[in-house]
Protein backbone atom coordinates (compact mmCIF):
# COMPACT_ATOMS: atom_id res chain seq x y z
CA UNK A 1 148.57 40.32 106.25
CA UNK A 2 149.94 43.52 107.91
CA UNK A 3 151.48 46.20 106.14
CA UNK A 4 152.90 49.37 107.84
CA UNK A 5 151.33 52.21 106.42
CA UNK A 6 148.19 52.00 104.03
CA UNK A 7 147.53 55.04 102.29
CA UNK A 8 143.81 56.58 100.28
CA UNK A 9 143.04 59.28 97.99
CA UNK A 10 139.99 60.63 100.03
CA UNK A 11 137.20 60.67 96.56
CA UNK A 12 133.87 58.60 97.45
CA UNK A 13 134.06 59.02 101.74
CA UNK A 14 130.32 60.46 101.16
CA UNK A 15 129.49 56.84 99.48
CA UNK A 16 128.73 54.00 101.46
CA UNK A 17 129.99 51.53 98.96
CA UNK A 18 133.63 53.15 99.01
CA UNK A 19 133.20 53.38 102.66
CA UNK A 20 132.78 49.86 102.97
CA UNK A 21 135.46 48.47 100.39
CA UNK A 22 137.53 50.64 102.68
CA UNK A 23 136.96 49.63 106.04
CA UNK A 24 137.53 45.74 104.53
CA UNK A 25 140.64 46.37 103.04
CA UNK A 26 141.91 47.64 106.77
CA UNK A 27 140.45 44.95 108.76
CA UNK A 28 142.22 42.91 106.00
CA UNK A 29 145.88 44.20 105.82
CA UNK A 30 145.57 46.03 109.94
CA UNK A 31 148.01 48.77 108.92
CA UNK A 32 150.04 50.23 111.95
CA UNK A 33 149.46 54.20 109.97
CA UNK A 34 146.76 55.02 107.62
CA UNK A 35 146.87 58.34 106.03
CA UNK A 36 143.64 59.48 103.96
CA UNK A 37 144.55 62.26 101.02
CA UNK A 38 141.96 64.87 99.95
CA UNK A 39 138.84 63.52 102.45
CA UNK A 40 137.59 67.36 101.54
CA UNK A 41 135.38 66.93 104.91
CA UNK A 42 135.81 67.52 108.62
CA UNK A 43 137.17 64.27 110.44
CA UNK A 44 133.46 63.93 112.35
CA UNK A 45 132.23 61.67 115.21
CA UNK A 46 130.71 59.11 112.28
CA UNK A 47 134.23 58.54 110.92
CA UNK A 48 135.39 58.25 114.47
CA UNK A 49 133.01 55.07 114.83
CA UNK A 50 133.92 53.61 111.66
CA UNK A 51 137.56 53.39 111.89
CA UNK A 52 137.53 53.23 115.78
CA UNK A 53 135.77 49.52 114.35
CA UNK A 54 138.89 48.93 112.47
CA UNK A 55 140.99 49.38 115.56
CA UNK A 56 142.46 52.84 114.21
CA UNK A 57 142.02 56.69 115.38
CA UNK A 58 142.82 60.16 114.21
CA UNK A 59 146.09 61.20 115.62
CA UNK A 60 147.52 64.50 112.72
CA UNK A 61 145.65 66.19 110.41
CA UNK A 62 146.51 69.27 108.22
CA UNK A 63 145.70 72.36 108.94
CA UNK A 64 141.87 73.37 107.46
CA UNK A 65 142.05 75.25 104.41
CA UNK A 66 138.46 76.78 102.77
CA UNK A 67 137.08 74.90 105.58
CA UNK A 68 138.19 71.67 104.41
CA UNK A 69 141.00 69.20 105.73
CA UNK A 70 143.67 68.39 103.10
CA UNK A 71 145.05 64.92 105.04
CA UNK A 72 144.54 62.69 107.48
CA UNK A 73 147.31 60.53 109.81
CA UNK A 74 145.02 57.31 111.99
CA UNK A 75 147.22 54.44 113.64
CA UNK A 76 146.48 51.29 115.02
CA UNK A 77 145.69 51.71 118.70
CA UNK A 78 148.36 50.27 121.56
CA UNK A 79 150.79 50.87 118.55
CA UNK A 80 152.68 54.17 120.49
CA UNK A 81 153.33 55.11 117.35
CA UNK A 82 154.21 58.91 117.01
CA UNK A 83 153.96 60.51 113.03
CA UNK A 84 155.72 63.44 112.68
CA UNK A 85 154.63 65.69 109.50
CA UNK A 86 157.09 67.85 107.84
CA UNK A 87 156.56 68.81 104.74
CA UNK A 88 155.76 65.97 102.76
CA UNK A 89 159.12 64.36 104.41
CA UNK A 90 157.02 61.37 106.59
CA UNK A 91 159.01 60.38 109.51
CA UNK A 92 157.14 57.81 111.95
CA UNK A 93 158.55 56.22 115.06
CA UNK A 94 157.50 53.06 116.64
CA UNK A 95 158.09 50.88 119.97
CA UNK A 96 159.74 48.74 116.80
CA UNK A 97 162.05 51.43 116.02
CA UNK A 98 162.17 54.00 113.11
CA UNK A 99 159.84 53.35 109.63
CA UNK A 100 160.64 55.88 106.93
């Protein structure tokens, strides 16, 4: 079942079982956008490979504070989705119109 967005609190990204479950959920629901809050680590090549496996790529992160990133935003490849993060308000534009 496709959903427009998926939000996850980033705890457990270092845990293999949690990452396997997260990847399974992303494969099942195929969100256009995936938001990850408080990953508390930098986006690395390892995450890039994992998320490409489910056809997603990084489009935005929050600024680095105390050497960690607080927020990641990924999108599904080929969806032409532009995400504007403005405070806590998220505006998403796609080739199918406005998603809020």
